[in-house]
PDB file of all heavy atoms in Angstrom:
ATOM      1  N   VAL A   1     110.246  79.355  98.919  1.00  0.00           N
ATOM      2  CA  VAL A   1     109.619  78.190  98.263  1.00  0.00           C
ATOM      3  C   VAL A   1     110.579  77.082  97.982  1.00  0.00           C
ATOM      4  O   VAL A   1     110.254  75.932  97.719  1.00  0.00           O
ATOM      5  CB  VAL A   1     108.841  78.585  97.011  1.00  0.00           C
ATOM      6  CG1 VAL A   1     107.852  79.689  97.304  1.00  0.00           C
ATOM      7  CG2 VAL A   1     109.783  79.008  95.874  1.00  0.00           C
ATOM      8  N   LEU A   2     111.904  77.390  97.934  1.00  0.00           N
ATOM      9  CA  LEU A   2     112.903  76.383  97.618  1.00  0.00           C
ATOM     10  C   LEU A   2     113.112  75.407  98.790  1.00  0.00           C
ATOM     11  O   LEU A   2     113.139  75.788  99.956  1.00  0.00           O
ATOM     12  CB  LEU A   2     114.247  77.028  97.253  1.00  0.00           C
ATOM     13  CG  LEU A   2     114.363  77.567  95.849  1.00  0.00           C
ATOM     14  CD1 LEU A   2     115.619  78.443  95.728  1.00  0.00           C
ATOM     15  CD2 LEU A   2     114.423  76.453  94.827  1.00  0.00           C
ATOM     16  N   LYS A   3     113.384  74.162  98.445  1.00  0.00           N
ATOM     17  CA  LYS A   3     113.783  73.161  99.429  1.00  0.00           C
ATOM     18  C   LYS A   3     115.230  73.437  99.859  1.00  0.00           C
ATOM     19  O   LYS A   3     115.941  74.155  99.121  1.00  0.00           O
ATOM     20  CB  LYS A   3     113.714  71.772  98.860  1.00  0.00           C
ATOM     21  CG  LYS A   3     112.316  71.295  98.431  1.00  0.00           C
ATOM     22  CD  LYS A   3     112.412  69.926  97.797  1.00  0.00           C
ATOM     23  CE  LYS A   3     111.051  69.464  97.321  1.00  0.00           C
ATOM     24  NZ  LYS A   3     111.123  68.132  96.575  1.00  0.00           N
ATOM     25  N   PRO A   4     115.716  72.933 100.986  1.00  0.00           N
ATOM     26  CA  PRO A   4     117.126  73.043 101.324  1.00  0.00           C
ATOM     27  C   PRO A   4     118.012  72.509 100.187  1.00  0.00           C
ATOM     28  O   PRO A   4     117.688  71.449  99.658  1.00  0.00           O
ATOM     29  CB  PRO A   4     117.254  72.231 102.596  1.00  0.00           C
ATOM     30  CG  PRO A   4     115.874  72.274 103.209  1.00  0.00           C
ATOM     31  CD  PRO A   4     114.904  72.322 102.078  1.00  0.00           C
ATOM     32  N   HIS A   5     118.997  73.247  99.824  1.00  0.00           N
ATOM     33  CA  HIS A   5     119.925  72.906  98.734  1.00  0.00           C
ATOM     34  C   HIS A   5     119.253  73.090  97.320  1.00  0.00           C
ATOM     35  O   HIS A   5     119.845  72.716  96.326  1.00  0.00           O
ATOM     36  CB  HIS A   5     120.506  71.497  98.886  1.00  0.00           C
ATOM     37  CG  HIS A   5     121.134  71.250 100.205  1.00  0.00           C
ATOM     38  ND1 HIS A   5     122.274  71.993 100.661  1.00  0.00           N
ATOM     39  CD2 HIS A   5     120.762  70.448 101.202  1.00  0.00           C
ATOM     40  CE1 HIS A   5     122.569  71.568 101.860  1.00  0.00           C
ATOM     41  NE2 HIS A   5     121.666  70.656 102.254  1.00  0.00           N
ATOM     42  N   GLY A   6     118.044  73.609  97.308  1.00  0.00           N
ATOM     43  CA  GLY A   6     117.438  73.961  96.056  1.00  0.00           C
ATOM     44  C   GLY A   6     118.105  75.115  95.343  1.00  0.00           C
ATOM     45  O   GLY A   6     118.901  75.799  95.971  1.00  0.00           O
ATOM     46  N   ARG A   7     117.856  75.245  94.024  1.00  0.00           N
ATOM     47  CA  ARG A   7     118.615  76.215  93.223  1.00  0.00           C
ATOM     48  C   ARG A   7     117.668  77.266  92.622  1.00  0.00           C
ATOM     49  O   ARG A   7     116.601  76.912  92.070  1.00  0.00           O
ATOM     50  CB  ARG A   7     119.316  75.509  92.031  1.00  0.00           C
ATOM     51  CG  ARG A   7     120.428  74.592  92.531  1.00  0.00           C
ATOM     52  CD  ARG A   7     120.924  73.648  91.426  1.00  0.00           C
ATOM     53  NE  ARG A   7     121.947  72.760  91.978  1.00  0.00           N
ATOM     54  CZ  ARG A   7     123.242  72.983  91.743  1.00  0.00           C
ATOM     55  NH1 ARG A   7     123.659  73.969  90.963  1.00  0.00           N
ATOM     56  NH2 ARG A   7     124.133  72.143  92.261  1.00  0.00           N
ATOM     57  N   LEU A   8     118.068  78.505  92.762  1.00  0.00           N
ATOM     58  CA  LEU A   8     117.458  79.618  92.014  1.00  0.00           C
ATOM     59  C   LEU A   8     118.334  79.941  90.800  1.00  0.00           C
ATOM     60  O   LEU A   8     119.482  80.363  90.970  1.00  0.00           O
ATOM     61  CB  LEU A   8     117.243  80.827  92.967  1.00  0.00           C
ATOM     62  CG  LEU A   8     116.941  82.130  92.297  1.00  0.00           C
ATOM     63  CD1 LEU A   8     115.597  82.000  91.560  1.00  0.00           C
ATOM     64  CD2 LEU A   8     116.785  83.250  93.371  1.00  0.00           C
ATOM     65  N   VAL A   9     117.813  79.783  89.580  1.00  0.00           N
ATOM     66  CA  VAL A   9     118.569  79.949  88.402  1.00  0.00           C
ATOM     67  C   VAL A   9     118.036  81.190  87.688  1.00  0.00           C
ATOM     68  O   VAL A   9     116.824  81.274  87.461  1.00  0.00           O
ATOM     69  CB  VAL A   9     118.569  78.693  87.531  1.00  0.00           C
ATOM     70  CG1 VAL A   9     119.541  78.884  86.315  1.00  0.00           C
ATOM     71  CG2 VAL A   9     118.873  77.429  88.319  1.00  0.00           C
ATOM     72  N   MET A  10     118.936  82.081  87.343  1.00  0.00           N
ATOM     73  CA  MET A  10     118.481  83.366  86.769  1.00  0.00           C
ATOM     74  C   MET A  10     119.330  83.860  85.591  1.00  0.00           C
ATOM     75  O   MET A  10     120.498  83.483  85.516  1.00  0.00           O
ATOM     76  CB  MET A  10     118.567  84.481  87.879  1.00  0.00           C
ATOM     77  CG  MET A  10     117.759  84.144  89.119  1.00  0.00           C
ATOM     78  SD  MET A  10     118.182  85.155  90.518  1.00  0.00           S
ATOM     79  CE  MET A  10     119.816  84.551  90.853  1.00  0.00           C
ATOM     80  N   SER A  11     118.705  84.591  84.754  1.00  0.00           N
ATOM     81  CA  SER A  11     119.443  85.306  83.678  1.00  0.00           C
ATOM     82  C   SER A  11     118.962  86.755  83.682  1.00  0.00           C
ATOM     83  O   SER A  11     117.734  87.011  83.554  1.00  0.00           O
ATOM     84  CB  SER A  11     119.124  84.633  82.331  1.00  0.00           C
ATOM     85  OG  SER A  11     119.861  85.311  81.324  1.00  0.00           O
ATOM     86  N   ASP A  12     119.840  87.685  83.870  1.00  0.00           N
ATOM     87  CA  ASP A  12     119.466  89.146  83.993  1.00  0.00           C
ATOM     88  C   ASP A  12     120.586  89.982  83.406  1.00  0.00           C
ATOM     89  O   ASP A  12     121.716  89.614  83.360  1.00  0.00           O
ATOM     90  CB  ASP A  12     119.316  89.514  85.440  1.00  0.00           C
ATOM     91  CG  ASP A  12     117.962  89.007  86.019  1.00  0.00           C
ATOM     92  OD1 ASP A  12     116.968  89.414  85.532  1.00  0.00           O
ATOM     93  OD2 ASP A  12     117.996  88.223  87.024  1.00  0.00           O
ATOM     94  N   PRO A  13     120.185  91.184  82.888  1.00  0.00           N
ATOM     95  CA  PRO A  13     121.191  92.178  82.507  1.00  0.00           C
ATOM     96  C   PRO A  13     121.856  92.769  83.734  1.00  0.00           C
ATOM     97  O   PRO A  13     121.253  92.939  84.763  1.00  0.00           O
ATOM     98  CB  PRO A  13     120.368  93.251  81.785  1.00  0.00           C
ATOM     99  CG  PRO A  13     119.001  92.627  81.499  1.00  0.00           C
ATOM    100  CD  PRO A  13     118.797  91.646  82.616  1.00  0.00           C
ATOM    101  N   THR A  14     123.128  93.062  83.564  1.00  0.00           N
ATOM    102  CA  THR A  14     123.907  93.789  84.588  1.00  0.00           C
ATOM    103  C   THR A  14     124.648  94.932  83.909  1.00  0.00           C
ATOM    104  O   THR A  14     124.928  94.922  82.710  1.00  0.00           O
ATOM    105  CB  THR A  14     124.919  92.877  85.334  1.00  0.00           C
ATOM    106  OG1 THR A  14     125.829  92.442  84.376  1.00  0.00           O
ATOM    107  CG2 THR A  14     124.223  91.730  85.958  1.00  0.00           C
ATOM    108  N   CYS A  15     125.016  95.948  84.677  1.00  0.00           N
ATOM    109  CA  CYS A  15     125.723  97.084  84.140  1.00  0.00           C
ATOM    110  C   CYS A  15     126.673  97.660  85.214  1.00  0.00           C
ATOM    111  O   CYS A  15     126.252  97.941  86.348  1.00  0.00           O
ATOM    112  CB  CYS A  15     124.707  98.124  83.744  1.00  0.00           C
ATOM    113  SG  CYS A  15     125.426  99.639  82.992  1.00  0.00           S
ATOM    114  N   GLU A  16     127.938  97.808  84.872  1.00  0.00           N
ATOM    115  CA  GLU A  16     128.886  98.385  85.802  1.00  0.00           C
ATOM    116  C   GLU A  16     128.932  99.908  85.721  1.00  0.00           C
ATOM    117  O   GLU A  16     129.476 100.501  86.625  1.00  0.00           O
ATOM    118  CB  GLU A  16     130.291  97.799  85.446  1.00  0.00           C
ATOM    119  CG  GLU A  16     130.407  96.319  85.578  1.00  0.00           C
ATOM    120  CD  GLU A  16     130.111  95.734  86.936  1.00  0.00           C
ATOM    121  OE1 GLU A  16     130.415  96.384  87.946  1.00  0.00           O
ATOM    122  OE2 GLU A  16     129.402  94.699  87.042  1.00  0.00           O
ATOM    123  N   GLN A  17     128.342 100.462  84.669  1.00  0.00           N
ATOM    124  CA  GLN A  17     128.348 101.966  84.598  1.00  0.00           C
ATOM    125  C   GLN A  17     127.082 102.491  85.252  1.00  0.00           C
ATOM    126  O   GLN A  17     126.036 101.944  85.167  1.00  0.00           O
ATOM    127  CB  GLN A  17     128.313 102.316  83.086  1.00  0.00           C
ATOM    128  CG  GLN A  17     129.558 101.909  82.256  1.00  0.00           C
ATOM    129  CD  GLN A  17     129.285 101.953  80.817  1.00  0.00           C
ATOM    130  OE1 GLN A  17     128.939 100.920  80.215  1.00  0.00           O
ATOM    131  NE2 GLN A  17     129.424 103.083  80.191  1.00  0.00           N
ATOM    132  N   PRO A  18     127.286 103.594  86.024  1.00  0.00           N
ATOM    133  CA  PRO A  18     126.090 104.156  86.636  1.00  0.00           C
ATOM    134  C   PRO A  18     125.102 104.759  85.636  1.00  0.00           C
ATOM    135  O   PRO A  18     125.537 105.378  84.672  1.00  0.00           O
ATOM    136  CB  PRO A  18     126.725 105.244  87.553  1.00  0.00           C
ATOM    137  CG  PRO A  18     128.014 105.586  86.897  1.00  0.00           C
ATOM    138  CD  PRO A  18     128.507 104.308  86.267  1.00  0.00           C
ATOM    139  N   MET A  19     123.862 104.566  85.905  1.00  0.00           N
ATOM    140  CA  MET A  19     122.767 105.134  85.086  1.00  0.00           C
ATOM    141  C   MET A  19     122.487 106.537  85.609  1.00  0.00           C
ATOM    142  O   MET A  19     122.469 106.812  86.805  1.00  0.00           O
ATOM    143  CB  MET A  19     121.489 104.275  85.195  1.00  0.00           C
ATOM    144  CG  MET A  19     121.649 102.850  84.807  1.00  0.00           C
ATOM    145  SD  MET A  19     121.349 102.636  83.068  1.00  0.00           S
ATOM    146  CE  MET A  19     121.408 100.818  82.941  1.00  0.00           C
ATOM    147  N   ASN A  20     122.221 107.471  84.678  1.00  0.00           N
ATOM    148  CA  ASN A  20     121.779 108.816  85.145  1.00  0.00           C
ATOM    149  C   ASN A  20     120.335 108.718  85.682  1.00  0.00           C
ATOM    150  O   ASN A  20     119.630 107.731  85.530  1.00  0.00           O
ATOM    151  CB  ASN A  20     121.927 109.865  84.042  1.00  0.00           C
ATOM    152  CG  ASN A  20     121.013 109.589  82.842  1.00  0.00           C
ATOM    153  OD1 ASN A  20     119.872 109.208  83.051  1.00  0.00           O
ATOM    154  ND2 ASN A  20     121.486 109.793  81.639  1.00  0.00           N
ATOM    155  N   GLU A  21     119.964 109.809  86.371  1.00  0.00           N
ATOM    156  CA  GLU A  21     118.642 109.797  87.031  1.00  0.00           C
ATOM    157  C   GLU A  21     117.470 109.589  86.062  1.00  0.00           C
ATOM    158  O   GLU A  21     116.544 108.867  86.345  1.00  0.00           O
ATOM    159  CB  GLU A  21     118.430 111.047  87.802  1.00  0.00           C
ATOM    160  CG  GLU A  21     117.226 111.082  88.667  1.00  0.00           C
ATOM    161  CD  GLU A  21     117.126 112.338  89.555  1.00  0.00           C
ATOM    162  OE1 GLU A  21     118.057 113.139  89.525  1.00  0.00           O
ATOM    163  OE2 GLU A  21     116.073 112.467  90.215  1.00  0.00           O
ATOM    164  N   THR A  22     117.614 110.176  84.892  1.00  0.00           N
ATOM    165  CA  THR A  22     116.567 109.972  83.882  1.00  0.00           C
ATOM    166  C   THR A  22     116.348 108.531  83.470  1.00  0.00           C
ATOM    167  O   THR A  22     115.258 108.056  83.384  1.00  0.00           O
ATOM    168  CB  THR A  22     116.822 110.862  82.657  1.00  0.00           C
ATOM    169  OG1 THR A  22     116.956 112.277  83.003  1.00  0.00           O
ATOM    170  CG2 THR A  22     115.728 110.754  81.613  1.00  0.00           C
ATOM    171  N   LEU A  23     117.521 107.909  83.224  1.00  0.00           N
ATOM    172  CA  LEU A  23     117.425 106.473  82.879  1.00  0.00           C
ATOM    173  C   LEU A  23     116.893 105.651  83.992  1.00  0.00           C
ATOM    174  O   LEU A  23     116.064 104.764  83.795  1.00  0.00           O
ATOM    175  CB  LEU A  23     118.841 105.950  82.494  1.00  0.00           C
ATOM    176  CG  LEU A  23     119.291 106.227  81.098  1.00  0.00           C
ATOM    177  CD1 LEU A  23     120.792 105.900  80.925  1.00  0.00           C
ATOM    178  CD2 LEU A  23     118.528 105.393  80.063  1.00  0.00           C
ATOM    179  N   ARG A  24     117.324 105.901  85.219  1.00  0.00           N
ATOM    180  CA  ARG A  24     116.940 105.107  86.328  1.00  0.00           C
ATOM    181  C   ARG A  24     115.394 105.213  86.600  1.00  0.00           C
ATOM    182  O   ARG A  24     114.775 104.324  87.001  1.00  0.00           O
ATOM    183  CB  ARG A  24     117.656 105.543  87.591  1.00  0.00           C
ATOM    184  CG  ARG A  24     119.114 105.150  87.647  1.00  0.00           C
ATOM    185  CD  ARG A  24     119.626 105.206  89.165  1.00  0.00           C
ATOM    186  NE  ARG A  24     119.409 106.529  89.758  1.00  0.00           N
ATOM    187  CZ  ARG A  24     120.209 107.548  89.662  1.00  0.00           C
ATOM    188  NH1 ARG A  24     121.362 107.489  89.038  1.00  0.00           N
ATOM    189  NH2 ARG A  24     119.912 108.687  90.247  1.00  0.00           N
ATOM    190  N   ASN A  25     114.841 106.352  86.228  1.00  0.00           N
ATOM    191  CA  ASN A  25     113.426 106.627  86.521  1.00  0.00           C
ATOM    192  C   ASN A  25     112.550 106.405  85.281  1.00  0.00           C
ATOM    193  O   ASN A  25     111.331 106.703  85.299  1.00  0.00           O
ATOM    194  CB  ASN A  25     113.230 108.061  86.989  1.00  0.00           C
ATOM    195  CG  ASN A  25     113.865 108.284  88.354  1.00  0.00           C
ATOM    196  OD1 ASN A  25     113.946 107.330  89.159  1.00  0.00           O
ATOM    197  ND2 ASN A  25     114.350 109.475  88.592  1.00  0.00           N
ATOM    198  N   ASP A  26     113.151 105.850  84.163  1.00  0.00           N
ATOM    199  CA  ASP A  26     112.353 105.586  83.004  1.00  0.00           C
ATOM    200  C   ASP A  26     111.567 104.294  83.156  1.00  0.00           C
ATOM    201  O   ASP A  26     112.167 103.226  83.191  1.00  0.00           O
ATOM    202  CB  ASP A  26     113.276 105.475  81.768  1.00  0.00           C
ATOM    203  CG  ASP A  26     112.531 105.438  80.415  1.00  0.00           C
ATOM    204  OD1 ASP A  26     111.607 104.643  80.352  1.00  0.00           O
ATOM    205  OD2 ASP A  26     112.876 106.177  79.548  1.00  0.00           O
ATOM    206  N   GLU A  27     110.262 104.405  83.329  1.00  0.00           N
ATOM    207  CA  GLU A  27     109.479 103.223  83.694  1.00  0.00           C
ATOM    208  C   GLU A  27     109.476 102.173  82.565  1.00  0.00           C
ATOM    209  O   GLU A  27     109.513 100.994  82.837  1.00  0.00           O
ATOM    210  CB  GLU A  27     108.058 103.636  83.984  1.00  0.00           C
ATOM    211  CG  GLU A  27     107.917 104.433  85.269  1.00  0.00           C
ATOM    212  CD  GLU A  27     106.456 104.731  85.649  1.00  0.00           C
ATOM    213  OE1 GLU A  27     105.592 104.444  84.877  1.00  0.00           O
ATOM    214  OE2 GLU A  27     106.266 105.312  86.721  1.00  0.00           O
ATOM    215  N   ARG A  28     109.476 102.619  81.297  1.00  0.00           N
ATOM    216  CA  ARG A  28     109.481 101.609  80.216  1.00  0.00           C
ATOM    217  C   ARG A  28     110.868 100.889  80.147  1.00  0.00           C
ATOM    218  O   ARG A  28     110.852  99.684  79.883  1.00  0.00           O
ATOM    219  CB  ARG A  28     109.154 102.274  78.859  1.00  0.00           C
ATOM    220  CG  ARG A  28     108.998 101.252  77.787  1.00  0.00           C
ATOM    221  CD  ARG A  28     108.396 101.786  76.504  1.00  0.00           C
ATOM    222  NE  ARG A  28     108.257 100.733  75.527  1.00  0.00           N
ATOM    223  CZ  ARG A  28     107.264  99.909  75.355  1.00  0.00           C
ATOM    224  NH1 ARG A  28     106.248  99.977  76.193  1.00  0.00           N
ATOM    225  NH2 ARG A  28     107.247  98.986  74.403  1.00  0.00           N
TER     226      ARG A  28
END
């Protein structure tokens, strides 16, 4: 949907530590 040279601006959590399987699969 962006025009050429358009910008997608985002704010999100990031994590460098691996999540265990239970955390990764926790839907909430």
